[in-house]
Each structure stands twice: as structure tokens, then as C-alpha cells.
């Protein structure tokens, strides 16, 4: 089982952040797209999405993130196993627990903070 892999990097939100007031947590999905060219000259894109969890003060600050926002993310990735209710198959999912989230650049959502260089 993969546990506690530290990661950091740039990512784009694939959907608006969703907050849960009772638990003090905010979740969002990020998308990355690895692009490369194979030896035979064919370009390949490999889009991947990850679930991100934030808690406490960081969760409060991330609650306003919107689809398309670019962020710099530092966190720990964990693998979870579950049984698919439809097929009964064992599946794996990956979730990043964020330690730092910082907006990057200017989007319609972050126009009031054009530098985007202050972490939440």
C-alpha cells in the first residue's frame, strides 16, 4: 500500500471546491496532463485527476477555489482501497491531503489578487 508520498507541483482545478461545514473539510479535484512524443513521432496526452482534501484554516481558504484556477500544491498522497458497489471489484483511489495551496497567476476568480503569490 502506498502511503504518505510527498508531492508538490502546479495543477488546474477540474471542478469547484466543495466544502462540508460540519467536518471542517473542503475537497476539490485537480487535473494534470502529461504530454510527450513517442519514438514513432506520435504525440500522446495522459490526463490524470486527483482528489485533494484540505482541513481547518486551509479548508476555509480553499472553499472559494473555482474550476480552472491554477494552484501550486504541496501535500501527501495516500492510496485507498475500496470495493466497487456495482461490480464488486476491488479498486484503488488516490487522495492528496494538502499542506499548502497557493493560487498561481491571474484568472477571473483571482483578479482581485493579480500577483497570486501569497499562499493561503
PDB file of N, CA and C in Angstrom:
ATOM      1  N   UNK A   1       0.834  -1.183   0.000  1.00  0.00           N
ATOM      2  CA  UNK A   1       0.000   0.000   0.000  1.00  0.00           C
ATOM      3  C   UNK A   1       0.876   1.242   0.000  1.00  0.00           C
ATOM      4  N   UNK A   2       0.597   2.173  -0.887  1.00  0.00           N
ATOM      5  CA  UNK A   2       1.296   3.445  -0.963  1.00  0.00           C
ATOM      6  C   UNK A   2       0.741   4.357   0.116  1.00  0.00           C
ATOM      7  N   UNK A   3       1.602   4.943   0.909  1.00  0.00           N
ATOM      8  CA  UNK A   3       1.122   5.857   1.936  1.00  0.00           C
ATOM      9  C   UNK A   3       2.130   6.970   2.159  1.00  0.00           C
ATOM     10  N   UNK A   4       1.636   8.185   2.265  1.00  0.00           N
ATOM     11  CA  UNK A   4       2.459   9.312   2.623  1.00  0.00           C
ATOM     12  C   UNK A   4       3.475   9.777   1.600  1.00  0.00           C
ATOM     13  N   UNK A   5       3.243   9.593   0.332  1.00  0.00           N
ATOM     14  CA  UNK A   5       4.140  10.085  -0.706  1.00  0.00           C
ATOM     15  C   UNK A   5       3.987  11.595  -0.794  1.00  0.00           C
ATOM     16  N   UNK A   6       5.062  12.335  -0.556  1.00  0.00           N
ATOM     17  CA  UNK A   6       5.001  13.794  -0.623  1.00  0.00           C
ATOM     18  C   UNK A   6       5.057  14.242  -2.075  1.00  0.00           C
ATOM     19  N   UNK A   7       4.200  15.192  -2.410  1.00  0.00           N
ATOM     20  CA  UNK A   7       4.171  15.718  -3.769  1.00  0.00           C
ATOM     21  C   UNK A   7       4.092  17.234  -3.728  1.00  0.00           C
ATOM     22  N   UNK A   8       4.518  17.870  -4.806  1.00  0.00           N
ATOM     23  CA  UNK A   8       4.313  19.300  -4.971  1.00  0.00           C
ATOM     24  C   UNK A   8       4.323  19.593  -6.455  1.00  0.00           C
ATOM     25  N   UNK A   9       3.574  20.605  -6.839  1.00  0.00           N
ATOM     26  CA  UNK A   9       3.544  20.967  -8.238  1.00  0.00           C
ATOM     27  C   UNK A   9       2.384  21.866  -8.589  1.00  0.00           C
ATOM     28  N   UNK A  10       2.324  22.225  -9.860  1.00  0.00           N
ATOM     29  CA  UNK A  10       1.252  23.060 -10.387  1.00  0.00           C
ATOM     30  C   UNK A  10       0.121  22.183 -10.894  1.00  0.00           C
ATOM     31  N   UNK A  11      -1.096  22.641 -10.694  1.00  0.00           N
ATOM     32  CA  UNK A  11      -2.255  21.893 -11.177  1.00  0.00           C
ATOM     33  C   UNK A  11      -3.409  22.851 -11.421  1.00  0.00           C
ATOM     34  N   UNK A  12      -4.360  22.384 -12.204  1.00  0.00           N
ATOM     35  CA  UNK A  12      -5.570  23.146 -12.500  1.00  0.00           C
ATOM     36  C   UNK A  12      -6.760  22.459 -11.862  1.00  0.00           C
ATOM     37  N   UNK A  13      -7.642  23.249 -11.237  1.00  0.00           N
ATOM     38  CA  UNK A  13      -8.843  22.664 -10.650  1.00  0.00           C
ATOM     39  C   UNK A  13      -9.763  22.164 -11.752  1.00  0.00           C
ATOM     40  N   UNK A  14     -10.216  20.922 -11.632  1.00  0.00           N
ATOM     41  CA  UNK A  14     -11.112  20.318 -12.608  1.00  0.00           C
ATOM     42  C   UNK A  14     -12.570  20.579 -12.266  1.00  0.00           C
ATOM     43  N   UNK A  15     -12.833  21.064 -11.056  1.00  0.00           N
ATOM     44  CA  UNK A  15     -14.192  21.371 -10.611  1.00  0.00           C
ATOM     45  C   UNK A  15     -14.101  22.343  -9.438  1.00  0.00           C
ATOM     46  N   UNK A  16     -15.201  23.032  -9.154  1.00  0.00           N
ATOM     47  CA  UNK A  16     -15.240  23.934  -7.999  1.00  0.00           C
ATOM     48  C   UNK A  16     -15.001  23.156  -6.712  1.00  0.00           C
ATOM     49  N   UNK A  17     -14.355  23.815  -5.752  1.00  0.00           N
ATOM     50  CA  UNK A  17     -14.147  23.218  -4.435  1.00  0.00           C
ATOM     51  C   UNK A  17     -15.498  23.037  -3.752  1.00  0.00           C
ATOM     52  N   UNK A  18     -15.611  21.949  -2.974  1.00  0.00           N
ATOM     53  CA  UNK A  18     -16.846  21.668  -2.239  1.00  0.00           C
ATOM     54  C   UNK A  18     -16.522  21.571  -0.763  1.00  0.00           C
ATOM     55  N   UNK A  19     -17.226  22.374   0.019  1.00  0.00           N
ATOM     56  CA  UNK A  19     -16.979  22.402   1.458  1.00  0.00           C
ATOM     57  C   UNK A  19     -18.046  21.675   2.239  1.00  0.00           C
ATOM     58  N   UNK A  20     -17.624  21.161   3.354  1.00  0.00           N
ATOM     59  CA  UNK A  20     -18.526  20.468   4.266  1.00  0.00           C
ATOM     60  C   UNK A  20     -18.371  21.101   5.633  1.00  0.00           C
ATOM     61  N   UNK A  21     -19.306  21.975   5.995  1.00  0.00           N
ATOM     62  CA  UNK A  21     -19.221  22.762   7.213  1.00  0.00           C
ATOM     63  C   UNK A  21     -19.074  21.911   8.469  1.00  0.00           C
ATOM     64  N   UNK A  22     -19.811  20.820   8.550  1.00  0.00           N
ATOM     65  CA  UNK A  22     -19.794  20.002   9.766  1.00  0.00           C
ATOM     66  C   UNK A  22     -18.418  19.398  10.031  1.00  0.00           C
ATOM     67  N   UNK A  23     -17.723  18.990   8.984  1.00  0.00           N
ATOM     68  CA  UNK A  23     -16.443  18.316   9.173  1.00  0.00           C
ATOM     69  C   UNK A  23     -15.252  19.263   9.126  1.00  0.00           C
ATOM     70  N   UNK A  24     -15.447  20.495   8.664  1.00  0.00           N
ATOM     71  CA  UNK A  24     -14.341  21.434   8.538  1.00  0.00           C
ATOM     72  C   UNK A  24     -13.387  21.069   7.415  1.00  0.00           C
ATOM     73  N   UNK A  25     -13.886  20.374   6.412  1.00  0.00           N
ATOM     74  CA  UNK A  25     -13.052  19.930   5.297  1.00  0.00           C
ATOM     75  C   UNK A  25     -13.585  20.500   3.988  1.00  0.00           C
ATOM     76  N   UNK A  26     -12.665  20.743   3.067  1.00  0.00           N
ATOM     77  CA  UNK A  26     -13.022  21.154   1.709  1.00  0.00           C
ATOM     78  C   UNK A  26     -12.271  20.234   0.757  1.00  0.00           C
ATOM     79  N   UNK A  27     -12.981  19.761  -0.251  1.00  0.00           N
ATOM     80  CA  UNK A  27     -12.414  18.836  -1.233  1.00  0.00           C
ATOM     81  C   UNK A  27     -12.507  19.450  -2.617  1.00  0.00           C
ATOM     82  N   UNK A  28     -11.519  19.153  -3.444  1.00  0.00           N
ATOM     83  CA  UNK A  28     -11.576  19.551  -4.846  1.00  0.00           C
ATOM     84  C   UNK A  28     -10.768  18.558  -5.665  1.00  0.00           C
ATOM     85  N   UNK A  29     -10.947  18.637  -6.963  1.00  0.00           N
ATOM     86  CA  UNK A  29     -10.254  17.742  -7.886  1.00  0.00           C
ATOM     87  C   UNK A  29      -9.306  18.566  -8.733  1.00  0.00           C
ATOM     88  N   UNK A  30      -8.084  18.052  -8.896  1.00  0.00           N
ATOM     89  CA  UNK A  30      -7.128  18.714  -9.773  1.00  0.00           C
ATOM     90  C   UNK A  30      -6.890  17.840 -10.994  1.00  0.00           C
ATOM     91  N   UNK A  31      -6.494  18.486 -12.072  1.00  0.00           N
ATOM     92  CA  UNK A  31      -6.202  17.762 -13.311  1.00  0.00           C
ATOM     93  C   UNK A  31      -4.790  18.108 -13.761  1.00  0.00           C
ATOM     94  N   UNK A  32      -4.082  17.107 -14.190  1.00  0.00           N
ATOM     95  CA  UNK A  32      -2.771  17.303 -14.790  1.00  0.00           C
ATOM     96  C   UNK A  32      -2.801  16.638 -16.158  1.00  0.00           C
ATOM     97  N   UNK A  33      -1.920  17.052 -17.038  1.00  0.00           N
ATOM     98  CA  UNK A  33      -1.903  16.472 -18.380  1.00  0.00           C
ATOM     99  C   UNK A  33      -0.454  16.312 -18.825  1.00  0.00           C
ATOM    100  N   UNK A  34       0.035  15.115 -18.723  1.00  0.00           N
ATOM    101  CA  UNK A  34       1.402  14.818 -19.173  1.00  0.00           C
ATOM    102  C   UNK A  34       1.368  14.628 -20.681  1.00  0.00           C
ATOM    103  N   UNK A  35       2.198  15.391 -21.380  1.00  0.00           N
ATOM    104  CA  UNK A  35       2.278  15.288 -22.841  1.00  0.00           C
ATOM    105  C   UNK A  35       3.684  14.852 -23.217  1.00  0.00           C
ATOM    106  N   UNK A  36       3.760  13.933 -24.163  1.00  0.00           N
ATOM    107  CA  UNK A  36       5.062  13.501 -24.650  1.00  0.00           C
ATOM    108  C   UNK A  36       4.913  12.950 -26.060  1.00  0.00           C
ATOM    109  N   UNK A  37       6.062  12.799 -26.726  1.00  0.00           N
ATOM    110  CA  UNK A  37       6.083  12.258 -28.075  1.00  0.00           C
ATOM    111  C   UNK A  37       6.768  10.896 -28.039  1.00  0.00           C
ATOM    112  N   UNK A  38       6.084   9.898 -28.562  1.00  0.00           N
ATOM    113  CA  UNK A  38       6.649   8.553 -28.619  1.00  0.00           C
ATOM    114  C   UNK A  38       7.775   8.489 -29.634  1.00  0.00           C
ATOM    115  N   UNK A  39       8.535   7.402 -29.603  1.00  0.00           N
ATOM    116  CA  UNK A  39       9.648   7.221 -30.545  1.00  0.00           C
ATOM    117  C   UNK A  39       9.176   7.234 -31.995  1.00  0.00           C
ATOM    118  N   UNK A  40       7.911   6.798 -32.225  1.00  0.00           N
ATOM    119  CA  UNK A  40       7.399   6.768 -33.596  1.00  0.00           C
ATOM    120  C   UNK A  40       6.827   8.115 -34.041  1.00  0.00           C
ATOM    121  N   UNK A  41       7.003   9.171 -33.200  1.00  0.00           N
ATOM    122  CA  UNK A  41       6.585  10.516 -33.566  1.00  0.00           C
ATOM    123  C   UNK A  41       5.156  10.878 -33.194  1.00  0.00           C
ATOM    124  N   UNK A  42       4.397   9.951 -32.640  1.00  0.00           N
ATOM    125  CA  UNK A  42       3.017  10.231 -32.254  1.00  0.00           C
ATOM    126  C   UNK A  42       2.995  10.936 -30.900  1.00  0.00           C
ATOM    127  N   UNK A  43       2.244  12.063 -30.851  1.00  0.00           N
ATOM    128  CA  UNK A  43       2.106  12.797 -29.606  1.00  0.00           C
ATOM    129  C   UNK A  43       1.032  12.133 -28.748  1.00  0.00           C
ATOM    130  N   UNK A  44       1.331  12.003 -27.465  1.00  0.00           N
ATOM    131  CA  UNK A  44       0.425  11.348 -26.532  1.00  0.00           C
ATOM    132  C   UNK A  44       0.107  12.303 -25.388  1.00  0.00           C
ATOM    133  N   UNK A  45      -1.161  12.359 -25.009  1.00  0.00           N
ATOM    134  CA  UNK A  45      -1.585  13.110 -23.833  1.00  0.00           C
ATOM    135  C   UNK A  45      -2.091  12.123 -22.809  1.00  0.00           C
ATOM    136  N   UNK A  46      -1.717  12.345 -21.557  1.00  0.00           N
ATOM    137  CA  UNK A  46      -2.125  11.445 -20.490  1.00  0.00           C
ATOM    138  C   UNK A  46      -2.752  12.252 -19.356  1.00  0.00           C
ATOM    139  N   UNK A  47      -4.043  12.620 -19.493  1.00  0.00           N
ATOM    140  CA  UNK A  47      -4.693  13.396 -18.434  1.00  0.00           C
ATOM    141  C   UNK A  47      -4.976  12.515 -17.210  1.00  0.00           C
ATOM    142  N   UNK A  48      -4.760  13.102 -16.040  1.00  0.00           N
ATOM    143  CA  UNK A  48      -4.992  12.395 -14.783  1.00  0.00           C
ATOM    144  C   UNK A  48      -5.654  13.357 -13.800  1.00  0.00           C
ATOM    145  N   UNK A  49      -6.601  12.856 -13.031  1.00  0.00           N
ATOM    146  CA  UNK A  49      -7.225  13.674 -11.992  1.00  0.00           C
ATOM    147  C   UNK A  49      -6.932  13.073 -10.625  1.00  0.00           C
ATOM    148  N   UNK A  50      -6.868  13.947  -9.634  1.00  0.00           N
ATOM    149  CA  UNK A  50      -6.641  13.536  -8.250  1.00  0.00           C
ATOM    150  C   UNK A  50      -7.601  14.287  -7.349  1.00  0.00           C
ATOM    151  N   UNK A  51      -8.082  13.612  -6.335  1.00  0.00           N
ATOM    152  CA  UNK A  51      -8.902  14.230  -5.305  1.00  0.00           C
ATOM    153  C   UNK A  51      -7.965  14.869  -4.276  1.00  0.00           C
ATOM    154  N   UNK A  52      -8.307  16.085  -3.839  1.00  0.00           N
ATOM    155  CA  UNK A  52      -7.500  16.799  -2.853  1.00  0.00           C
ATOM    156  C   UNK A  52      -8.386  17.126  -1.656  1.00  0.00           C
ATOM    157  N   UNK A  53      -7.874  16.863  -0.455  1.00  0.00           N
ATOM    158  CA  UNK A  53      -8.589  17.171   0.780  1.00  0.00           C
ATOM    159  C   UNK A  53      -7.833  18.255   1.539  1.00  0.00           C
ATOM    160  N   UNK A  54      -8.573  19.221   2.068  1.00  0.00           N
ATOM    161  CA  UNK A  54      -7.988  20.254   2.916  1.00  0.00           C
ATOM    162  C   UNK A  54      -8.794  20.318   4.208  1.00  0.00           C
ATOM    163  N   UNK A  55      -8.128  20.705   5.284  1.00  0.00           N
ATOM    164  CA  UNK A  55      -8.777  20.731   6.592  1.00  0.00           C
ATOM    165  C   UNK A  55      -8.438  22.015   7.337  1.00  0.00           C
ATOM    166  N   UNK A  56      -9.300  22.371   8.297  1.00  0.00           N
ATOM    167  CA  UNK A  56      -9.038  23.512   9.170  1.00  0.00           C
ATOM    168  C   UNK A  56      -9.013  24.830   8.427  1.00  0.00           C
ATOM    169  N   UNK A  57      -8.055  25.688   8.802  1.00  0.00           N
ATOM    170  CA  UNK A  57      -7.933  27.009   8.207  1.00  0.00           C
ATOM    171  C   UNK A  57      -7.678  26.926   6.711  1.00  0.00           C
ATOM    172  N   UNK A  58      -6.847  25.982   6.294  1.00  0.00           N
ATOM    173  CA  UNK A  58      -6.581  25.818   4.863  1.00  0.00           C
ATOM    174  C   UNK A  58      -7.870  25.496   4.114  1.00  0.00           C
ATOM    175  N   UNK A  59      -8.725  24.671   4.695  1.00  0.00           N
ATOM    176  CA  UNK A  59     -10.009  24.338   4.069  1.00  0.00           C
ATOM    177  C   UNK A  59     -10.869  25.587   3.894  1.00  0.00           C
ATOM    178  N   UNK A  60     -10.912  26.421   4.909  1.00  0.00           N
ATOM    179  CA  UNK A  60     -11.697  27.653   4.815  1.00  0.00           C
ATOM    180  C   UNK A  60     -11.194  28.527   3.671  1.00  0.00           C
ATOM    181  N   UNK A  61      -9.881  28.599   3.520  1.00  0.00           N
ATOM    182  CA  UNK A  61      -9.304  29.438   2.485  1.00  0.00           C
ATOM    183  C   UNK A  61      -9.491  28.839   1.086  1.00  0.00           C
ATOM    184  N   UNK A  62      -9.551  27.520   0.999  1.00  0.00           N
ATOM    185  CA  UNK A  62      -9.703  26.860  -0.302  1.00  0.00           C
ATOM    186  C   UNK A  62     -11.154  26.771  -0.756  1.00  0.00           C
ATOM    187  N   UNK A  63     -12.083  27.073   0.113  1.00  0.00           N
ATOM    188  CA  UNK A  63     -13.505  26.926  -0.209  1.00  0.00           C
ATOM    189  C   UNK A  63     -13.918  27.771  -1.411  1.00  0.00           C
ATOM    190  N   UNK A  64     -13.197  28.849  -1.688  1.00  0.00           N
ATOM    191  CA  UNK A  64     -13.578  29.740  -2.784  1.00  0.00           C
ATOM    192  C   UNK A  64     -12.912  29.382  -4.120  1.00  0.00           C
ATOM    193  N   UNK A  65     -12.115  28.323  -4.163  1.00  0.00           N
ATOM    194  CA  UNK A  65     -11.462  27.940  -5.416  1.00  0.00           C
ATOM    195  C   UNK A  65     -12.493  27.480  -6.448  1.00  0.00           C
ATOM    196  N   UNK A  66     -12.235  27.819  -7.691  1.00  0.00           N
ATOM    197  CA  UNK A  66     -13.169  27.515  -8.783  1.00  0.00           C
ATOM    198  C   UNK A  66     -12.485  26.700  -9.876  1.00  0.00           C
ATOM    199  N   UNK A  67     -13.308  26.004 -10.650  1.00  0.00           N
ATOM    200  CA  UNK A  67     -12.830  25.238 -11.800  1.00  0.00           C
ATOM    201  C   UNK A  67     -11.987  26.153 -12.693  1.00  0.00           C
ATOM    202  N   UNK A  68     -10.830  25.650 -13.113  1.00  0.00           N
ATOM    203  CA  UNK A  68      -9.951  26.413 -13.976  1.00  0.00           C
ATOM    204  C   UNK A  68      -8.864  27.173 -13.245  1.00  0.00           C
ATOM    205  N   UNK A  69      -9.021  27.371 -11.924  1.00  0.00           N
ATOM    206  CA  UNK A  69      -7.979  28.058 -11.155  1.00  0.00           C
ATOM    207  C   UNK A  69      -6.702  27.233 -11.173  1.00  0.00           C
ATOM    208  N   UNK A  70      -5.573  27.900 -11.355  1.00  0.00           N
ATOM    209  CA  UNK A  70      -4.271  27.257 -11.271  1.00  0.00           C
ATOM    210  C   UNK A  70      -3.750  27.417  -9.848  1.00  0.00           C
ATOM    211  N   UNK A  71      -3.204  26.331  -9.303  1.00  0.00           N
ATOM    212  CA  UNK A  71      -2.678  26.377  -7.943  1.00  0.00           C
ATOM    213  C   UNK A  71      -1.306  25.698  -7.887  1.00  0.00           C
ATOM    214  N   UNK A  72      -0.549  26.094  -6.881  1.00  0.00           N
ATOM    215  CA  UNK A  72       0.645  25.357  -6.501  1.00  0.00           C
ATOM    216  C   UNK A  72       0.248  24.573  -5.262  1.00  0.00           C
ATOM    217  N   UNK A  73       0.519  23.286  -5.266  1.00  0.00           N
ATOM    218  CA  UNK A  73       0.034  22.393  -4.219  1.00  0.00           C
ATOM    219  C   UNK A  73       1.198  21.628  -3.601  1.00  0.00           C
ATOM    220  N   UNK A  74       1.214  21.562  -2.279  1.00  0.00           N
ATOM    221  CA  UNK A  74       2.146  20.709  -1.547  1.00  0.00           C
ATOM    222  C   UNK A  74       1.294  19.831  -0.644  1.00  0.00           C
ATOM    223  N   UNK A  75       1.541  18.527  -0.685  1.00  0.00           N
ATOM    224  CA  UNK A  75       0.740  17.638   0.146  1.00  0.00           C
ATOM    225  C   UNK A  75       1.282  16.221   0.156  1.00  0.00           C
ATOM    226  N   UNK A  76       0.514  15.350   0.760  1.00  0.00           N
ATOM    227  CA  UNK A  76       0.866  13.939   0.875  1.00  0.00           C
ATOM    228  C   UNK A  76      -0.201  13.104   0.187  1.00  0.00           C
ATOM    229  N   UNK A  77       0.234  12.184  -0.663  1.00  0.00           N
ATOM    230  CA  UNK A  77      -0.701  11.334  -1.395  1.00  0.00           C
ATOM    231  C   UNK A  77      -0.842   9.987  -0.691  1.00  0.00           C
ATOM    232  N   UNK A  78      -2.071   9.561  -0.548  1.00  0.00           N
ATOM    233  CA  UNK A  78      -2.370   8.262   0.045  1.00  0.00           C
ATOM    234  C   UNK A  78      -3.220   7.448  -0.910  1.00  0.00           C
ATOM    235  N   UNK A  79      -3.038   6.151  -0.886  1.00  0.00           N
ATOM    236  CA  UNK A  79      -3.831   5.223  -1.683  1.00  0.00           C
ATOM    237  C   UNK A  79      -4.869   4.583  -0.774  1.00  0.00           C
ATOM    238  N   UNK A  80      -6.086   4.488  -1.272  1.00  0.00           N
ATOM    239  CA  UNK A  80      -7.147   3.835  -0.526  1.00  0.00           C
ATOM    240  C   UNK A  80      -7.733   2.727  -1.395  1.00  0.00           C
ATOM    241  N   UNK A  81      -8.106   1.644  -0.766  1.00  0.00           N
ATOM    242  CA  UNK A  81      -8.751   0.549  -1.479  1.00  0.00           C
ATOM    243  C   UNK A  81     -10.229   0.526  -1.092  1.00  0.00           C
ATOM    244  N   UNK A  82     -11.062   0.165  -2.063  1.00  0.00           N
ATOM    245  CA  UNK A  82     -12.495   0.044  -1.802  1.00  0.00           C
ATOM    246  C   UNK A  82     -13.083  -0.974  -2.757  1.00  0.00           C
ATOM    247  N   UNK A  83     -14.285  -1.427  -2.454  1.00  0.00           N
ATOM    248  CA  UNK A  83     -14.987  -2.375  -3.311  1.00  0.00           C
ATOM    249  C   UNK A  83     -16.040  -1.624  -4.102  1.00  0.00           C
ATOM    250  N   UNK A  84     -15.974  -1.726  -5.424  1.00  0.00           N
ATOM    251  CA  UNK A  84     -16.944  -1.090  -6.307  1.00  0.00           C
ATOM    252  C   UNK A  84     -18.310  -1.726  -6.053  1.00  0.00           C
ATOM    253  N   UNK A  85     -19.291  -0.919  -5.663  1.00  0.00           N
ATOM    254  CA  UNK A  85     -20.618  -1.442  -5.332  1.00  0.00           C
ATOM    255  C   UNK A  85     -21.335  -2.030  -6.540  1.00  0.00           C
ATOM    256  N   UNK A  86     -21.016  -1.545  -7.729  1.00  0.00           N
ATOM    257  CA  UNK A  86     -21.668  -2.033  -8.941  1.00  0.00           C
ATOM    258  C   UNK A  86     -21.096  -3.367  -9.407  1.00  0.00           C
ATOM    259  N   UNK A  87     -19.762  -3.453  -9.438  1.00  0.00           N
ATOM    260  CA  UNK A  87     -19.127  -4.646  -9.997  1.00  0.00           C
ATOM    261  C   UNK A  87     -18.598  -5.618  -8.951  1.00  0.00           C
ATOM    262  N   UNK A  88     -18.431  -5.127  -7.715  1.00  0.00           N
ATOM    263  CA  UNK A  88     -17.863  -5.962  -6.665  1.00  0.00           C
ATOM    264  C   UNK A  88     -16.352  -6.088  -6.739  1.00  0.00           C
ATOM    265  N   UNK A  89     -15.738  -5.393  -7.692  1.00  0.00           N
ATOM    266  CA  UNK A  89     -14.291  -5.458  -7.854  1.00  0.00           C
ATOM    267  C   UNK A  89     -13.575  -4.558  -6.858  1.00  0.00           C
ATOM    268  N   UNK A  90     -12.395  -5.007  -6.463  1.00  0.00           N
ATOM    269  CA  UNK A  90     -11.540  -4.192  -5.608  1.00  0.00           C
ATOM    270  C   UNK A  90     -10.933  -3.073  -6.456  1.00  0.00           C
ATOM    271  N   UNK A  91     -11.015  -1.855  -5.968  1.00  0.00           N
ATOM    272  CA  UNK A  91     -10.491  -0.691  -6.698  1.00  0.00           C
ATOM    273  C   UNK A  91      -9.548   0.091  -5.795  1.00  0.00           C
ATOM    274  N   UNK A  92      -8.783   0.972  -6.414  1.00  0.00           N
ATOM    275  CA  UNK A  92      -7.889   1.847  -5.684  1.00  0.00           C
ATOM    276  C   UNK A  92      -8.165   3.284  -6.087  1.00  0.00           C
ATOM    277  N   UNK A  93      -8.052   4.179  -5.132  1.00  0.00           N
ATOM    278  CA  UNK A  93      -8.148   5.597  -5.431  1.00  0.00           C
ATOM    279  C   UNK A  93      -7.007   6.307  -4.711  1.00  0.00           C
ATOM    280  N   UNK A  94      -6.683   7.485  -5.198  1.00  0.00           N
ATOM    281  CA  UNK A  94      -5.595   8.262  -4.624  1.00  0.00           C
ATOM    282  C   UNK A  94      -6.119   9.609  -4.186  1.00  0.00           C
ATOM    283  N   UNK A  95      -5.751  10.021  -2.994  1.00  0.00           N
ATOM    284  CA  UNK A  95      -6.172  11.312  -2.469  1.00  0.00           C
ATOM    285  C   UNK A  95      -4.957  12.051  -1.947  1.00  0.00           C
ATOM    286  N   UNK A  96      -4.898  13.343  -2.239  1.00  0.00           N
ATOM    287  CA  UNK A  96      -3.833  14.190  -1.734  1.00  0.00           C
ATOM    288  C   UNK A  96      -4.380  14.978  -0.558  1.00  0.00           C
ATOM    289  N   UNK A  97      -3.710  14.916   0.574  1.00  0.00           N
ATOM    290  CA  UNK A  97      -4.043  15.755   1.714  1.00  0.00           C
ATOM    291  C   UNK A  97      -3.101  16.955   1.647  1.00  0.00           C
ATOM    292  N   UNK A  98      -3.676  18.126   1.387  1.00  0.00           N
ATOM    293  CA  UNK A  98      -2.873  19.326   1.137  1.00  0.00           C
ATOM    294  C   UNK A  98      -2.313  19.897   2.435  1.00  0.00           C
ATOM    295  N   UNK A  99      -1.062  20.364   2.343  1.00  0.00           N
ATOM    296  CA  UNK A  99      -0.434  21.111   3.435  1.00  0.00           C
ATOM    297  C   UNK A  99      -0.299  22.582   3.071  1.00  0.00           C
ATOM    298  N   UNK A 100      -0.230  22.866   1.756  1.00  0.00           N
ATOM    299  CA  UNK A 100      -0.138  24.236   1.268  1.00  0.00           C
ATOM    300  C   UNK A 100      -0.824  24.309  -0.082  1.00  0.00           C
ATOM    301  N   UNK A 101      -1.613  25.347  -0.284  1.00  0.00           N
ATOM    302  CA  UNK A 101      -2.238  25.614  -1.572  1.00  0.00           C
ATOM    303  C   UNK A 101      -2.062  27.100  -1.843  1.00  0.00           C
ATOM    304  N   UNK A 102      -1.505  27.433  -2.984  1.00  0.00           N
ATOM    305  CA  UNK A 102      -1.294  28.833  -3.353  1.00  0.00           C
ATOM    306  C   UNK A 102      -1.804  29.070  -4.766  1.00  0.00           C
ATOM    307  N   UNK A 103      -2.640  30.114  -4.955  1.00  0.00           N
ATOM    308  CA  UNK A 103      -3.092  30.439  -6.303  1.00  0.00           C
ATOM    309  C   UNK A 103      -1.914  30.889  -7.151  1.00  0.00           C
ATOM    310  N   UNK A 104      -1.968  30.592  -8.454  1.00  0.00           N
ATOM    311  CA  UNK A 104      -0.891  30.940  -9.375  1.00  0.00           C
ATOM    312  C   UNK A 104      -1.480  31.739 -10.520  1.00  0.00           C
ATOM    313  N   UNK A 105      -0.897  32.900 -10.817  1.00  0.00           N
ATOM    314  CA  UNK A 105      -1.332  33.685 -11.959  1.00  0.00           C
ATOM    315  C   UNK A 105      -2.668  34.364 -11.735  1.00  0.00           C
ATOM    316  N   UNK A 106      -3.225  34.847 -12.819  1.00  0.00           N
ATOM    317  CA  UNK A 106      -4.489  35.583 -12.769  1.00  0.00           C
ATOM    318  C   UNK A 106      -5.555  34.800 -13.510  1.00  0.00           C
ATOM    319  N   UNK A 107      -6.670  34.611 -12.859  1.00  0.00           N
ATOM    320  CA  UNK A 107      -7.853  34.050 -13.521  1.00  0.00           C
ATOM    321  C   UNK A 107      -9.003  34.978 -13.193  1.00  0.00           C
ATOM    322  N   UNK A 108     -10.150  34.748 -13.767  1.00  0.00           N
ATOM    323  CA  UNK A 108     -11.309  35.580 -13.456  1.00  0.00           C
ATOM    324  C   UNK A 108     -11.594  35.542 -11.964  1.00  0.00           C
ATOM    325  N   UNK A 109     -11.311  34.405 -11.354  1.00  0.00           N
ATOM    326  CA  UNK A 109     -11.594  34.234  -9.930  1.00  0.00           C
ATOM    327  C   UNK A 109     -10.588  34.967  -9.054  1.00  0.00           C
ATOM    328  N   UNK A 110      -9.320  35.073  -9.465  1.00  0.00           N
ATOM    329  CA  UNK A 110      -8.283  35.672  -8.625  1.00  0.00           C
ATOM    330  C   UNK A 110      -7.882  37.070  -9.088  1.00  0.00           C
ATOM    331  N   UNK A 111      -8.712  37.726  -9.897  1.00  0.00           N
ATOM    332  CA  UNK A 111      -8.368  39.033 -10.438  1.00  0.00           C
ATOM    333  C   UNK A 111      -8.122  40.070  -9.342  1.00  0.00           C
ATOM    334  N   UNK A 112      -8.768  39.920  -8.173  1.00  0.00           N
ATOM    335  CA  UNK A 112      -8.556  40.881  -7.102  1.00  0.00           C
ATOM    336  C   UNK A 112      -7.172  40.706  -6.457  1.00  0.00           C
ATOM    337  N   UNK A 113      -6.476  39.606  -6.717  1.00  0.00           N
ATOM    338  CA  UNK A 113      -5.119  39.358  -6.226  1.00  0.00           C
ATOM    339  C   UNK A 113      -4.252  38.998  -7.431  1.00  0.00           C
ATOM    340  N   UNK A 114      -3.928  39.987  -8.291  1.00  0.00           N
ATOM    341  CA  UNK A 114      -3.274  39.670  -9.551  1.00  0.00           C
ATOM    342  C   UNK A 114      -1.905  39.017  -9.410  1.00  0.00           C
ATOM    343  N   UNK A 115      -1.220  39.221  -8.298  1.00  0.00           N
ATOM    344  CA  UNK A 115       0.089  38.593  -8.149  1.00  0.00           C
ATOM    345  C   UNK A 115      -0.054  37.104  -7.902  1.00  0.00           C
ATOM    346  N   UNK A 116      -1.028  36.707  -7.136  1.00  0.00           N
ATOM    347  CA  UNK A 116      -1.253  35.300  -6.861  1.00  0.00           C
ATOM    348  C   UNK A 116      -0.062  34.642  -6.216  1.00  0.00           C
ATOM    349  N   UNK A 117       0.736  35.406  -5.472  1.00  0.00           N
ATOM    350  CA  UNK A 117       1.957  34.824  -4.925  1.00  0.00           C
ATOM    351  C   UNK A 117       1.880  34.596  -3.417  1.00  0.00           C
ATOM    352  N   UNK A 118       0.763  34.813  -2.819  1.00  0.00           N
ATOM    353  CA  UNK A 118       0.613  34.581  -1.389  1.00  0.00           C
ATOM    354  C   UNK A 118      -0.105  33.256  -1.167  1.00  0.00           C
ATOM    355  N   UNK A 119       0.527  32.315  -0.439  1.00  0.00           N
ATOM    356  CA  UNK A 119      -0.171  31.062  -0.160  1.00  0.00           C
ATOM    357  C   UNK A 119      -1.339  31.309   0.763  1.00  0.00           C
ATOM    358  N   UNK A 120      -2.313  30.433   0.682  1.00  0.00           N
ATOM    359  CA  UNK A 120      -3.454  30.534   1.587  1.00  0.00           C
ATOM    360  C   UNK A 120      -2.986  30.269   2.989  1.00  0.00           C
TER     361      UNK A 120
END
